Amino acid sequence: MPKSKKEYSLSRADRYNKKERNAGKIVIYTEGDVTEPEYLNDWIKGFAAKNGLNPLKVKTWFEIVPSDDESEPLKVVENLVSNENPKDNELDKFYAVFDEDDRSNTGKDKENYQKAFQTADNNNVNVICSNRSVELWAVLHFSDATPMTQRDLEKELKRFMPHYNSSKNKRFDFAIMQSEGDEDKAIKRAQSLRKNNEKASSDWKIRPSTNFDELIEAMKEFILQH
């Protein structure tokens, strides 16, 4: 399958041109077409500027590929594996980003959801999963609240981002996240949720949970080491 939304990615030739670059890239396939890719691109620009780096240059160190409406987690992972061959690629780092979205309960959704993790693990792909959804990662910038349903998550998020709407405006307001939120607290809150979940069930992925902080920390380290 061809890669979608080329504005977020570079050509394979550019990726492996070591004369132009001194290290690999972070390659991120996202379930969402808007929320995750827009947030990640805003984050890259903001982090680069805060550290006195050229945002346009830093952006070339990342390849962000939205799902283009193929948002089922297993499909996201399979597309990444098919397009990138990560198992045989020691230069780049690979991430698949998706939500639980009530898929871990029963039936075929549960089977494919679990298979997404297995396929990723077998192919050198890191999974970033939010349960129930990525809105939890945004909420954690502002609050300790951990709503369990999508409706309540969005309601809580709108307290801080009044213009956010999952139907009409799915983009996180990055400026508000930076000025009124606290990324360091969001990271600690996400880590605490996973720790508590592991104590309760030996599975950090139960609701509520997210490991989006692991992607953010990896991106920070990658940029600062270039």
N, C-alpha and C. Protein backbone atom coordinates (compact mmCIF):
# COMPACT_ATOMS: atom_id res chain seq x y z
N MET A 1 0.83 -1.20 0.00
CA MET A 1 0.00 0.00 0.00
C MET A 1 0.86 1.24 0.00
N PRO A 2 0.62 2.23 -0.82
CA PRO A 2 1.43 3.43 -0.84
C PRO A 2 1.23 4.23 0.44
N LYS A 3 2.23 4.99 0.83
CA LYS A 3 2.13 5.80 2.03
C LYS A 3 1.14 6.92 1.82
N SER A 4 0.46 7.29 2.87
CA SER A 4 -0.56 8.31 2.77
C SER A 4 -0.06 9.66 3.24
N LYS A 5 -0.72 10.72 2.74
CA LYS A 5 -0.48 12.08 3.17
C LYS A 5 1.01 12.42 3.13
N LYS A 6 1.54 12.54 1.92
CA LYS A 6 2.96 12.72 1.72
C LYS A 6 3.52 13.98 2.38
N GLU A 7 2.66 14.94 2.70
CA GLU A 7 3.18 16.14 3.30
C GLU A 7 3.87 15.86 4.63
N TYR A 8 3.59 14.69 5.22
CA TYR A 8 4.18 14.36 6.50
C TYR A 8 5.45 13.52 6.36
N SER A 9 5.86 13.16 5.15
CA SER A 9 6.96 12.21 5.02
C SER A 9 7.92 12.60 3.92
N LEU A 10 9.11 12.01 4.01
CA LEU A 10 10.13 12.18 3.00
C LEU A 10 10.23 10.91 2.17
N SER A 11 10.92 11.03 1.04
CA SER A 11 11.10 9.85 0.20
C SER A 11 12.06 8.88 0.86
N ARG A 12 11.96 7.62 0.49
CA ARG A 12 12.88 6.61 1.03
C ARG A 12 14.32 6.96 0.69
N ALA A 13 14.57 7.50 -0.49
CA ALA A 13 15.93 7.88 -0.87
C ALA A 13 16.48 8.93 0.08
N ASP A 14 15.66 9.92 0.42
CA ASP A 14 16.10 10.95 1.36
C ASP A 14 16.40 10.36 2.73
N ARG A 15 15.56 9.39 3.13
CA ARG A 15 15.73 8.81 4.45
C ARG A 15 17.08 8.14 4.61
N TYR A 16 17.58 7.52 3.57
CA TYR A 16 18.80 6.75 3.69
C TYR A 16 20.03 7.46 3.10
N ASN A 17 19.90 8.74 2.83
CA ASN A 17 21.03 9.49 2.30
C ASN A 17 21.93 9.92 3.45
N LYS A 18 22.92 9.09 3.76
CA LYS A 18 23.78 9.37 4.90
C LYS A 18 24.68 10.57 4.68
N LYS A 19 24.84 10.99 3.43
CA LYS A 19 25.61 12.18 3.17
C LYS A 19 24.87 13.40 3.69
N GLU A 20 23.54 13.32 3.71
CA GLU A 20 22.72 14.44 4.17
C GLU A 20 22.47 14.35 5.67
N ARG A 21 22.46 13.15 6.23
CA ARG A 21 22.07 12.98 7.62
C ARG A 21 23.05 12.08 8.34
N ASN A 22 23.19 12.29 9.64
CA ASN A 22 24.18 11.52 10.39
C ASN A 22 23.54 10.43 11.24
N ALA A 23 22.24 10.22 11.12
CA ALA A 23 21.58 9.18 11.89
C ALA A 23 20.26 8.83 11.23
N GLY A 24 19.58 7.83 11.80
CA GLY A 24 18.32 7.40 11.24
C GLY A 24 17.19 8.36 11.58
N LYS A 25 15.98 7.89 11.34
CA LYS A 25 14.78 8.68 11.61
C LYS A 25 13.89 7.96 12.61
N ILE A 26 12.96 8.71 13.15
CA ILE A 26 11.87 8.10 13.88
C ILE A 26 10.67 8.07 12.93
N VAL A 27 10.17 6.89 12.68
CA VAL A 27 9.06 6.69 11.75
C VAL A 27 7.82 6.33 12.57
N ILE A 28 6.76 7.14 12.41
CA ILE A 28 5.57 7.00 13.24
C ILE A 28 4.34 6.83 12.35
N TYR A 29 3.67 5.71 12.48
CA TYR A 29 2.39 5.49 11.80
C TYR A 29 1.28 5.70 12.82
N THR A 30 0.32 6.56 12.50
CA THR A 30 -0.73 6.89 13.44
C THR A 30 -2.09 6.40 12.97
N GLU A 31 -2.90 6.00 13.94
CA GLU A 31 -4.27 5.61 13.64
C GLU A 31 -5.07 6.81 13.16
N GLY A 32 -4.90 7.95 13.83
CA GLY A 32 -5.65 9.13 13.48
C GLY A 32 -5.09 9.86 12.28
N ASP A 33 -5.98 10.52 11.55
CA ASP A 33 -5.56 11.33 10.40
C ASP A 33 -5.24 12.77 10.78
N VAL A 34 -5.78 13.21 11.92
CA VAL A 34 -5.66 14.62 12.31
C VAL A 34 -5.01 14.78 13.68
N THR A 35 -5.64 14.24 14.71
CA THR A 35 -5.24 14.54 16.08
C THR A 35 -3.77 14.22 16.34
N GLU A 36 -3.37 12.96 16.13
CA GLU A 36 -2.00 12.57 16.44
C GLU A 36 -0.96 13.22 15.52
N PRO A 37 -1.13 13.17 14.18
CA PRO A 37 -0.10 13.78 13.32
C PRO A 37 0.02 15.28 13.52
N GLU A 38 -1.10 15.98 13.70
CA GLU A 38 -1.03 17.43 13.91
C GLU A 38 -0.33 17.74 15.23
N TYR A 39 -0.70 17.01 16.28
CA TYR A 39 -0.06 17.23 17.58
C TYR A 39 1.44 16.95 17.51
N LEU A 40 1.82 15.84 16.90
CA LEU A 40 3.23 15.49 16.83
C LEU A 40 4.04 16.51 16.04
N ASN A 41 3.49 16.99 14.95
CA ASN A 41 4.19 18.01 14.18
C ASN A 41 4.31 19.32 14.96
N ASP A 42 3.23 19.70 15.67
CA ASP A 42 3.30 20.89 16.52
C ASP A 42 4.34 20.70 17.62
N TRP A 43 4.36 19.50 18.19
CA TRP A 43 5.32 19.22 19.26
C TRP A 43 6.76 19.33 18.75
N ILE A 44 7.04 18.76 17.59
CA ILE A 44 8.39 18.82 17.01
C ILE A 44 8.82 20.26 16.81
N LYS A 45 7.95 21.08 16.23
CA LYS A 45 8.28 22.49 16.00
C LYS A 45 8.51 23.22 17.32
N GLY A 46 7.64 22.96 18.29
CA GLY A 46 7.77 23.64 19.57
C GLY A 46 9.03 23.24 20.32
N PHE A 47 9.34 21.94 20.34
CA PHE A 47 10.53 21.48 21.06
C PHE A 47 11.80 21.98 20.39
N ALA A 48 11.81 21.99 19.05
CA ALA A 48 12.97 22.49 18.32
C ALA A 48 13.21 23.95 18.64
N ALA A 49 12.15 24.76 18.56
CA ALA A 49 12.29 26.19 18.82
C ALA A 49 12.76 26.45 20.25
N LYS A 50 12.22 25.70 21.20
CA LYS A 50 12.58 25.89 22.61
C LYS A 50 14.04 25.56 22.86
N ASN A 51 14.62 24.70 22.03
CA ASN A 51 16.01 24.30 22.20
C ASN A 51 16.95 24.96 21.20
N GLY A 52 16.47 26.03 20.55
CA GLY A 52 17.32 26.79 19.65
C GLY A 52 17.70 26.06 18.38
N LEU A 53 16.84 25.14 17.93
CA LEU A 53 17.10 24.37 16.72
C LEU A 53 16.18 24.82 15.61
N ASN A 54 16.58 24.56 14.38
CA ASN A 54 15.78 24.90 13.22
C ASN A 54 14.63 23.91 13.09
N PRO A 55 13.36 24.36 13.30
CA PRO A 55 12.24 23.41 13.25
C PRO A 55 12.11 22.68 11.92
N LEU A 56 12.44 23.35 10.81
CA LEU A 56 12.33 22.70 9.51
C LEU A 56 13.35 21.58 9.37
N LYS A 57 14.54 21.80 9.91
CA LYS A 57 15.56 20.74 9.86
C LYS A 57 15.17 19.58 10.76
N VAL A 58 14.73 19.92 11.96
CA VAL A 58 14.35 18.86 12.90
C VAL A 58 13.21 18.02 12.35
N LYS A 59 12.29 18.65 11.65
CA LYS A 59 11.15 17.92 11.09
C LYS A 59 11.60 16.83 10.12
N THR A 60 12.73 17.04 9.45
CA THR A 60 13.22 16.03 8.50
C THR A 60 13.75 14.79 9.20
N TRP A 61 13.89 14.82 10.51
CA TRP A 61 14.36 13.66 11.27
C TRP A 61 13.21 12.73 11.63
N PHE A 62 12.00 13.10 11.22
CA PHE A 62 10.82 12.32 11.55
C PHE A 62 10.00 12.05 10.29
N GLU A 63 9.34 10.92 10.28
CA GLU A 63 8.38 10.59 9.23
C GLU A 63 7.08 10.19 9.91
N ILE A 64 6.05 10.99 9.72
CA ILE A 64 4.76 10.74 10.35
C ILE A 64 3.74 10.40 9.27
N VAL A 65 3.19 9.20 9.37
CA VAL A 65 2.30 8.69 8.32
C VAL A 65 0.92 8.44 8.91
N PRO A 66 -0.07 9.28 8.64
CA PRO A 66 -1.43 9.05 9.12
C PRO A 66 -2.06 7.84 8.45
N SER A 67 -3.12 7.34 9.06
CA SER A 67 -3.72 6.09 8.59
C SER A 67 -4.52 6.24 7.31
N ASP A 68 -4.96 7.46 7.01
CA ASP A 68 -5.80 7.68 5.84
C ASP A 68 -7.05 6.80 5.88
N ASP A 69 -7.73 6.85 7.03
CA ASP A 69 -9.01 6.15 7.26
C ASP A 69 -8.88 4.65 7.49
N GLU A 70 -7.69 4.10 7.43
CA GLU A 70 -7.51 2.68 7.77
C GLU A 70 -7.02 2.62 9.22
N SER A 71 -7.95 2.86 10.14
CA SER A 71 -7.56 3.15 11.51
C SER A 71 -7.56 1.94 12.44
N GLU A 72 -7.91 0.77 11.96
CA GLU A 72 -7.89 -0.41 12.81
C GLU A 72 -6.44 -0.69 13.23
N PRO A 73 -6.16 -0.89 14.54
CA PRO A 73 -4.77 -1.02 15.00
C PRO A 73 -3.92 -2.03 14.24
N LEU A 74 -4.49 -3.21 13.98
CA LEU A 74 -3.71 -4.22 13.27
C LEU A 74 -3.33 -3.72 11.88
N LYS A 75 -4.25 -3.01 11.22
CA LYS A 75 -3.97 -2.48 9.89
C LYS A 75 -2.86 -1.44 9.95
N VAL A 76 -2.86 -0.61 10.98
CA VAL A 76 -1.81 0.39 11.15
C VAL A 76 -0.45 -0.29 11.24
N VAL A 77 -0.38 -1.33 12.06
CA VAL A 77 0.89 -2.05 12.22
C VAL A 77 1.27 -2.77 10.93
N GLU A 78 0.32 -3.43 10.30
CA GLU A 78 0.61 -4.16 9.06
C GLU A 78 1.08 -3.22 7.96
N ASN A 79 0.47 -2.04 7.85
CA ASN A 79 0.91 -1.07 6.85
C ASN A 79 2.35 -0.63 7.12
N LEU A 80 2.67 -0.39 8.38
CA LEU A 80 4.04 0.00 8.73
C LEU A 80 5.02 -1.10 8.34
N VAL A 81 4.69 -2.32 8.72
CA VAL A 81 5.59 -3.45 8.44
C VAL A 81 5.76 -3.63 6.93
N SER A 82 4.66 -3.54 6.19
CA SER A 82 4.71 -3.74 4.74
C SER A 82 5.51 -2.64 4.05
N ASN A 83 5.32 -1.40 4.48
CA ASN A 83 5.97 -0.27 3.80
C ASN A 83 7.42 -0.08 4.21
N GLU A 84 7.73 -0.39 5.46
CA GLU A 84 9.04 -0.01 6.00
C GLU A 84 10.00 -1.17 6.23
N ASN A 85 9.50 -2.40 6.29
CA ASN A 85 10.33 -3.56 6.58
C ASN A 85 11.20 -3.32 7.82
N PRO A 86 10.58 -2.96 8.95
CA PRO A 86 11.37 -2.56 10.13
C PRO A 86 12.24 -3.66 10.72
N LYS A 87 11.87 -4.90 10.49
CA LYS A 87 12.64 -6.01 11.07
C LYS A 87 14.07 -6.03 10.54
N ASP A 88 14.25 -5.56 9.30
CA ASP A 88 15.58 -5.57 8.68
C ASP A 88 16.19 -4.18 8.64
N ASN A 89 15.65 -3.25 9.39
CA ASN A 89 16.12 -1.87 9.38
C ASN A 89 16.68 -1.51 10.75
N GLU A 90 18.00 -1.39 10.83
CA GLU A 90 18.64 -1.05 12.09
C GLU A 90 18.94 0.44 12.19
N LEU A 91 18.60 1.20 11.17
CA LEU A 91 18.90 2.63 11.15
C LEU A 91 17.82 3.46 11.83
N ASP A 92 16.57 3.11 11.57
CA ASP A 92 15.44 3.92 12.04
C ASP A 92 14.76 3.29 13.25
N LYS A 93 13.94 4.09 13.93
CA LYS A 93 13.11 3.61 15.03
C LYS A 93 11.65 3.72 14.60
N PHE A 94 10.85 2.72 14.93
CA PHE A 94 9.49 2.62 14.40
C PHE A 94 8.45 2.59 15.52
N TYR A 95 7.37 3.35 15.30
CA TYR A 95 6.29 3.43 16.27
C TYR A 95 4.94 3.33 15.57
N ALA A 96 4.05 2.54 16.16
CA ALA A 96 2.65 2.49 15.72
C ALA A 96 1.81 3.09 16.83
N VAL A 97 1.01 4.09 16.50
CA VAL A 97 0.23 4.83 17.50
C VAL A 97 -1.26 4.58 17.25
N PHE A 98 -1.93 4.02 18.25
CA PHE A 98 -3.37 3.79 18.10
C PHE A 98 -4.05 3.78 19.47
N ASP A 99 -5.38 3.77 19.44
CA ASP A 99 -6.20 3.77 20.65
C ASP A 99 -6.83 2.40 20.87
N GLU A 100 -7.19 2.15 22.13
CA GLU A 100 -7.92 0.92 22.45
C GLU A 100 -9.36 1.00 21.92
N ASP A 101 -10.02 2.13 22.14
CA ASP A 101 -11.35 2.38 21.57
C ASP A 101 -12.34 1.22 21.75
N ASP A 102 -12.35 0.64 22.93
CA ASP A 102 -13.26 -0.47 23.25
C ASP A 102 -13.01 -1.71 22.40
N ARG A 103 -11.81 -1.85 21.89
CA ARG A 103 -11.50 -3.00 21.02
C ARG A 103 -11.02 -4.21 21.78
N SER A 104 -10.69 -4.06 23.06
CA SER A 104 -10.08 -5.17 23.79
C SER A 104 -11.09 -6.03 24.53
N ASN A 105 -12.37 -5.85 24.23
CA ASN A 105 -13.40 -6.56 24.98
C ASN A 105 -13.64 -7.98 24.49
N THR A 106 -14.25 -8.12 23.31
CA THR A 106 -14.60 -9.46 22.83
C THR A 106 -14.53 -9.52 21.31
N GLY A 107 -14.61 -10.73 20.80
CA GLY A 107 -14.79 -10.94 19.37
C GLY A 107 -13.58 -10.61 18.51
N LYS A 108 -13.87 -10.33 17.25
CA LYS A 108 -12.83 -10.10 16.26
C LYS A 108 -12.01 -8.85 16.58
N ASP A 109 -12.65 -7.82 17.11
CA ASP A 109 -11.91 -6.61 17.48
C ASP A 109 -10.83 -6.94 18.50
N LYS A 110 -11.19 -7.75 19.51
CA LYS A 110 -10.21 -8.12 20.53
C LYS A 110 -9.08 -8.94 19.92
N GLU A 111 -9.44 -9.88 19.06
CA GLU A 111 -8.43 -10.73 18.41
C GLU A 111 -7.45 -9.89 17.59
N ASN A 112 -7.96 -8.95 16.81
CA ASN A 112 -7.10 -8.11 15.98
C ASN A 112 -6.30 -7.12 16.81
N TYR A 113 -6.91 -6.62 17.89
CA TYR A 113 -6.23 -5.71 18.80
C TYR A 113 -5.01 -6.39 19.41
N GLN A 114 -5.20 -7.60 19.91
CA GLN A 114 -4.09 -8.34 20.50
C GLN A 114 -3.03 -8.69 19.45
N LYS A 115 -3.50 -9.02 18.26
CA LYS A 115 -2.58 -9.37 17.18
C LYS A 115 -1.74 -8.17 16.76
N ALA A 116 -2.28 -6.97 16.89
CA ALA A 116 -1.52 -5.77 16.55
C ALA A 116 -0.27 -5.68 17.42
N PHE A 117 -0.41 -5.95 18.72
CA PHE A 117 0.74 -5.92 19.62
C PHE A 117 1.73 -7.03 19.27
N GLN A 118 1.21 -8.21 18.98
CA GLN A 118 2.09 -9.34 18.65
C GLN A 118 2.87 -9.08 17.36
N THR A 119 2.18 -8.56 16.35
CA THR A 119 2.82 -8.28 15.07
C THR A 119 3.88 -7.19 15.23
N ALA A 120 3.57 -6.18 16.01
CA ALA A 120 4.54 -5.12 16.26
C ALA A 120 5.78 -5.68 16.96
N ASP A 121 5.56 -6.48 17.99
CA ASP A 121 6.67 -7.05 18.76
C ASP A 121 7.55 -7.94 17.89
N ASN A 122 6.96 -8.63 16.95
CA ASN A 122 7.71 -9.53 16.07
C ASN A 122 8.47 -8.80 14.96
N ASN A 123 8.20 -7.50 14.82
CA ASN A 123 8.77 -6.78 13.68
C ASN A 123 9.48 -5.48 14.07
N ASN A 124 9.98 -5.42 15.31
CA ASN A 124 10.80 -4.28 15.72
C ASN A 124 10.01 -2.97 15.71
N VAL A 125 8.73 -3.05 16.06
CA VAL A 125 7.86 -1.86 16.09
C VAL A 125 7.41 -1.61 17.52
N ASN A 126 7.59 -0.38 17.99
CA ASN A 126 7.11 0.02 19.31
C ASN A 126 5.65 0.45 19.21
N VAL A 127 4.83 0.00 20.14
CA VAL A 127 3.42 0.39 20.15
C VAL A 127 3.19 1.49 21.19
N ILE A 128 2.49 2.53 20.76
CA ILE A 128 2.03 3.58 21.64
C ILE A 128 0.51 3.49 21.66
N CYS A 129 -0.03 3.12 22.80
CA CYS A 129 -1.47 2.86 22.90
C CYS A 129 -2.09 3.65 24.03
N SER A 130 -3.23 4.27 23.76
CA SER A 130 -4.00 4.98 24.78
C SER A 130 -5.33 4.27 24.98
N ASN A 131 -5.68 4.07 26.25
CA ASN A 131 -6.91 3.37 26.59
C ASN A 131 -7.74 4.25 27.53
N ARG A 132 -8.78 4.89 27.08
CA ARG A 132 -9.52 4.54 25.89
C ARG A 132 -8.99 5.21 24.63
N SER A 133 -8.52 6.47 24.72
CA SER A 133 -8.10 7.17 23.51
C SER A 133 -7.01 8.18 23.83
N VAL A 134 -6.43 8.76 22.77
CA VAL A 134 -5.33 9.71 22.93
C VAL A 134 -5.75 10.98 23.65
N GLU A 135 -7.06 11.25 23.73
CA GLU A 135 -7.52 12.40 24.50
C GLU A 135 -7.06 12.33 25.95
N LEU A 136 -6.84 11.10 26.45
CA LEU A 136 -6.34 10.96 27.81
C LEU A 136 -4.98 11.62 27.95
N TRP A 137 -4.11 11.46 26.97
CA TRP A 137 -2.78 12.07 27.02
C TRP A 137 -2.90 13.59 27.11
N ALA A 138 -3.82 14.16 26.37
CA ALA A 138 -4.01 15.61 26.44
C ALA A 138 -4.56 16.03 27.80
N VAL A 139 -5.54 15.31 28.31
CA VAL A 139 -6.13 15.64 29.60
C VAL A 139 -5.08 15.62 30.71
N LEU A 140 -4.16 14.67 30.65
CA LEU A 140 -3.15 14.54 31.69
C LEU A 140 -2.23 15.75 31.78
N HIS A 141 -2.20 16.59 30.76
CA HIS A 141 -1.42 17.83 30.83
C HIS A 141 -2.03 18.83 31.81
N PHE A 142 -3.31 18.66 32.12
CA PHE A 142 -4.03 19.64 32.91
C PHE A 142 -4.58 19.11 34.23
N SER A 143 -4.78 17.80 34.31
CA SER A 143 -5.58 17.28 35.40
C SER A 143 -5.20 15.84 35.74
N ASP A 144 -5.51 15.45 36.97
CA ASP A 144 -5.35 14.06 37.38
C ASP A 144 -6.57 13.22 37.00
N ALA A 145 -7.58 13.87 36.46
CA ALA A 145 -8.82 13.16 36.11
C ALA A 145 -8.54 12.12 35.03
N THR A 146 -9.18 10.97 35.17
CA THR A 146 -9.00 9.89 34.19
C THR A 146 -10.36 9.31 33.82
N PRO A 147 -11.17 10.05 33.07
CA PRO A 147 -12.49 9.56 32.65
C PRO A 147 -12.37 8.24 31.89
N MET A 148 -13.36 7.38 32.07
CA MET A 148 -13.30 6.04 31.52
C MET A 148 -13.95 5.92 30.15
N THR A 149 -14.88 6.80 29.82
CA THR A 149 -15.57 6.72 28.54
C THR A 149 -15.08 7.82 27.62
N GLN A 150 -15.27 7.63 26.32
CA GLN A 150 -14.85 8.64 25.36
C GLN A 150 -15.63 9.95 25.56
N ARG A 151 -16.90 9.83 25.83
CA ARG A 151 -17.72 11.02 26.05
C ARG A 151 -17.19 11.84 27.22
N ASP A 152 -16.86 11.17 28.31
CA ASP A 152 -16.37 11.88 29.49
C ASP A 152 -14.96 12.42 29.28
N LEU A 153 -14.15 11.69 28.52
CA LEU A 153 -12.81 12.19 28.19
C LEU A 153 -12.89 13.50 27.41
N GLU A 154 -13.75 13.52 26.42
CA GLU A 154 -13.89 14.72 25.60
C GLU A 154 -14.48 15.87 26.41
N LYS A 155 -15.40 15.55 27.30
CA LYS A 155 -15.99 16.58 28.16
C LYS A 155 -14.92 17.19 29.05
N GLU A 156 -14.07 16.36 29.62
CA GLU A 156 -12.98 16.86 30.47
C GLU A 156 -11.99 17.69 29.66
N LEU A 157 -11.67 17.23 28.46
CA LEU A 157 -10.71 17.96 27.64
C LEU A 157 -11.24 19.33 27.24
N LYS A 158 -12.52 19.41 26.99
CA LYS A 158 -13.12 20.69 26.58
C LYS A 158 -13.09 21.73 27.71
N ARG A 159 -12.89 21.28 28.93
CA ARG A 159 -12.71 22.24 30.02
C ARG A 159 -11.47 23.10 29.78
N PHE A 160 -10.49 22.52 29.14
CA PHE A 160 -9.21 23.20 28.92
C PHE A 160 -9.03 23.65 27.48
N MET A 161 -9.65 22.93 26.57
CA MET A 161 -9.62 23.29 25.14
C MET A 161 -11.05 23.41 24.64
N PRO A 162 -11.67 24.56 24.86
CA PRO A 162 -13.10 24.71 24.54
C PRO A 162 -13.45 24.45 23.07
N HIS A 163 -12.48 24.65 22.18
CA HIS A 163 -12.77 24.49 20.76
C HIS A 163 -12.58 23.06 20.26
N TYR A 164 -12.09 22.17 21.14
CA TYR A 164 -11.90 20.79 20.70
C TYR A 164 -13.25 20.11 20.49
N ASN A 165 -13.37 19.43 19.37
CA ASN A 165 -14.59 18.69 19.05
C ASN A 165 -14.21 17.49 18.21
N SER A 166 -14.54 16.30 18.66
CA SER A 166 -14.10 15.08 17.98
C SER A 166 -14.71 14.93 16.59
N SER A 167 -15.79 15.66 16.32
CA SER A 167 -16.43 15.59 15.00
C SER A 167 -16.00 16.72 14.07
N LYS A 168 -15.83 17.93 14.64
CA LYS A 168 -15.61 19.09 13.80
C LYS A 168 -14.20 19.68 13.91
N ASN A 169 -13.56 19.49 15.06
CA ASN A 169 -12.22 20.07 15.26
C ASN A 169 -11.42 19.14 16.15
N LYS A 170 -10.79 18.15 15.55
CA LYS A 170 -10.09 17.10 16.29
C LYS A 170 -8.65 17.47 16.64
N ARG A 171 -8.26 18.68 16.35
CA ARG A 171 -6.88 19.08 16.59
C ARG A 171 -6.72 19.59 18.03
N PHE A 172 -5.72 19.05 18.73
CA PHE A 172 -5.38 19.57 20.05
C PHE A 172 -4.83 20.98 19.90
N ASP A 173 -5.18 21.86 20.85
CA ASP A 173 -4.63 23.21 20.85
C ASP A 173 -3.27 23.16 21.54
N PHE A 174 -2.23 23.03 20.74
CA PHE A 174 -0.89 22.84 21.29
C PHE A 174 -0.44 24.04 22.11
N ALA A 175 -0.82 25.24 21.69
CA ALA A 175 -0.43 26.45 22.43
C ALA A 175 -0.99 26.41 23.85
N ILE A 176 -2.25 25.98 23.99
CA ILE A 176 -2.85 25.87 25.32
C ILE A 176 -2.17 24.76 26.13
N MET A 177 -1.86 23.66 25.47
CA MET A 177 -1.18 22.57 26.16
C MET A 177 0.14 23.02 26.74
N GLN A 178 0.84 23.91 26.00
CA GLN A 178 2.14 24.38 26.46
C GLN A 178 2.03 25.50 27.48
N SER A 179 1.07 26.39 27.29
CA SER A 179 0.99 27.56 28.18
C SER A 179 0.23 27.29 29.47
N GLU A 180 -0.81 26.45 29.39
CA GLU A 180 -1.65 26.21 30.56
C GLU A 180 -1.51 24.79 31.11
N GLY A 181 -0.98 23.89 30.29
CA GLY A 181 -0.76 22.53 30.72
C GLY A 181 0.66 22.32 31.19
N ASP A 182 0.99 21.10 31.53
CA ASP A 182 2.32 20.77 32.03
C ASP A 182 2.72 19.39 31.50
N GLU A 183 3.61 19.38 30.53
CA GLU A 183 4.01 18.12 29.92
C GLU A 183 4.73 17.21 30.91
N ASP A 184 5.56 17.79 31.77
CA ASP A 184 6.27 16.97 32.75
C ASP A 184 5.29 16.27 33.69
N LYS A 185 4.23 16.98 34.10
CA LYS A 185 3.22 16.34 34.94
C LYS A 185 2.45 15.29 34.17
N ALA A 186 2.18 15.54 32.89
CA ALA A 186 1.50 14.55 32.07
C ALA A 186 2.31 13.26 31.99
N ILE A 187 3.61 13.40 31.84
CA ILE A 187 4.50 12.23 31.79
C ILE A 187 4.43 11.45 33.09
N LYS A 188 4.53 12.16 34.21
CA LYS A 188 4.48 11.50 35.52
C LYS A 188 3.12 10.85 35.76
N ARG A 189 2.06 11.51 35.35
CA ARG A 189 0.72 10.94 35.53
C ARG A 189 0.54 9.68 34.70
N ALA A 190 1.03 9.71 33.46
CA ALA A 190 0.93 8.53 32.60
C ALA A 190 1.73 7.37 33.18
N GLN A 191 2.92 7.66 33.68
CA GLN A 191 3.75 6.62 34.29
C GLN A 191 3.07 6.04 35.52
N SER A 192 2.44 6.91 36.31
CA SER A 192 1.76 6.46 37.53
C SER A 192 0.57 5.56 37.21
N LEU A 193 -0.18 5.90 36.16
CA LEU A 193 -1.30 5.06 35.75
C LEU A 193 -0.82 3.66 35.38
N ARG A 194 0.25 3.60 34.59
CA ARG A 194 0.76 2.29 34.17
C ARG A 194 1.26 1.48 35.37
N LYS A 195 1.92 2.15 36.28
CA LYS A 195 2.44 1.47 37.47
C LYS A 195 1.30 0.90 38.31
N ASN A 196 0.25 1.70 38.49
CA ASN A 196 -0.90 1.23 39.25
C ASN A 196 -1.61 0.08 38.55
N ASN A 197 -1.70 0.16 37.22
CA ASN A 197 -2.34 -0.92 36.47
C ASN A 197 -1.57 -2.22 36.58
N GLU A 198 -0.25 -2.12 36.54
CA GLU A 198 0.58 -3.33 36.65
C GLU A 198 0.44 -3.97 38.02
N LYS A 199 0.29 -3.13 39.04
CA LYS A 199 0.07 -3.68 40.39
C LYS A 199 -1.27 -4.39 40.47
N ALA A 200 -2.26 -3.83 39.79
CA ALA A 200 -3.62 -4.38 39.88
C ALA A 200 -3.81 -5.62 39.02
N SER A 201 -3.17 -5.65 37.85
CA SER A 201 -3.48 -6.74 36.92
C SER A 201 -2.29 -7.26 36.12
N SER A 202 -1.11 -6.72 36.37
CA SER A 202 0.10 -7.07 35.60
C SER A 202 0.00 -6.64 34.14
N ASP A 203 -0.93 -5.76 33.84
CA ASP A 203 -1.11 -5.29 32.46
C ASP A 203 -1.31 -3.77 32.50
N TRP A 204 -0.30 -3.02 32.05
CA TRP A 204 -0.41 -1.56 32.10
C TRP A 204 -1.48 -1.04 31.15
N LYS A 205 -1.90 -1.84 30.17
CA LYS A 205 -2.78 -1.36 29.11
C LYS A 205 -4.25 -1.32 29.51
N ILE A 206 -4.60 -1.79 30.72
CA ILE A 206 -6.00 -1.70 31.11
C ILE A 206 -6.38 -0.22 31.28
N ARG A 207 -7.66 0.06 31.22
CA ARG A 207 -8.15 1.43 31.29
C ARG A 207 -8.17 1.94 32.72
N PRO A 208 -7.78 3.21 32.95
CA PRO A 208 -7.22 4.18 32.01
C PRO A 208 -5.70 4.03 31.90
N SER A 209 -5.18 4.26 30.71
CA SER A 209 -3.73 4.16 30.51
C SER A 209 -3.31 4.79 29.20
N THR A 210 -2.07 5.18 29.16
CA THR A 210 -1.42 5.61 27.92
C THR A 210 0.08 5.52 28.11
N ASN A 211 0.79 5.19 27.05
CA ASN A 211 2.25 5.28 27.09
C ASN A 211 2.74 6.29 26.05
N PHE A 212 1.89 7.29 25.76
CA PHE A 212 2.30 8.32 24.81
C PHE A 212 3.53 9.05 25.31
N ASP A 213 3.70 9.10 26.62
CA ASP A 213 4.90 9.74 27.18
C ASP A 213 6.18 9.07 26.70
N GLU A 214 6.13 7.76 26.44
CA GLU A 214 7.33 7.05 25.98
C GLU A 214 7.75 7.54 24.59
N LEU A 215 6.78 7.84 23.75
CA LEU A 215 7.10 8.39 22.44
C LEU A 215 7.69 9.79 22.58
N ILE A 216 7.10 10.62 23.43
CA ILE A 216 7.60 11.97 23.63
C ILE A 216 9.03 11.94 24.16
N GLU A 217 9.28 11.08 25.14
CA GLU A 217 10.64 10.98 25.68
C GLU A 217 11.63 10.49 24.64
N ALA A 218 11.22 9.54 23.81
CA ALA A 218 12.09 9.04 22.75
C ALA A 218 12.39 10.13 21.73
N MET A 219 11.39 10.95 21.40
CA MET A 219 11.59 12.04 20.45
C MET A 219 12.53 13.10 21.02
N LYS A 220 12.38 13.41 22.30
CA LYS A 220 13.29 14.36 22.94
C LYS A 220 14.73 13.87 22.86
N GLU A 221 14.93 12.63 23.26
CA GLU A 221 16.28 12.06 23.26
C GLU A 221 16.86 12.05 21.85
N PHE A 222 16.05 11.67 20.89
CA PHE A 222 16.50 11.58 19.50
C PHE A 222 16.95 12.95 18.98
N ILE A 223 16.16 13.98 19.27
CA ILE A 223 16.50 15.32 18.80
C ILE A 223 17.77 15.83 19.46
N LEU A 224 17.87 15.66 20.75
CA LEU A 224 19.01 16.21 21.50
C LEU A 224 20.31 15.47 21.20
N GLN A 225 20.21 14.24 20.72
CA GLN A 225 21.41 13.47 20.39
C GLN A 225 21.90 13.72 18.97
N HIS A 226 21.11 14.40 18.14
CA HIS A 226 21.53 14.67 16.77
C HIS A 226 22.64 15.72 16.76
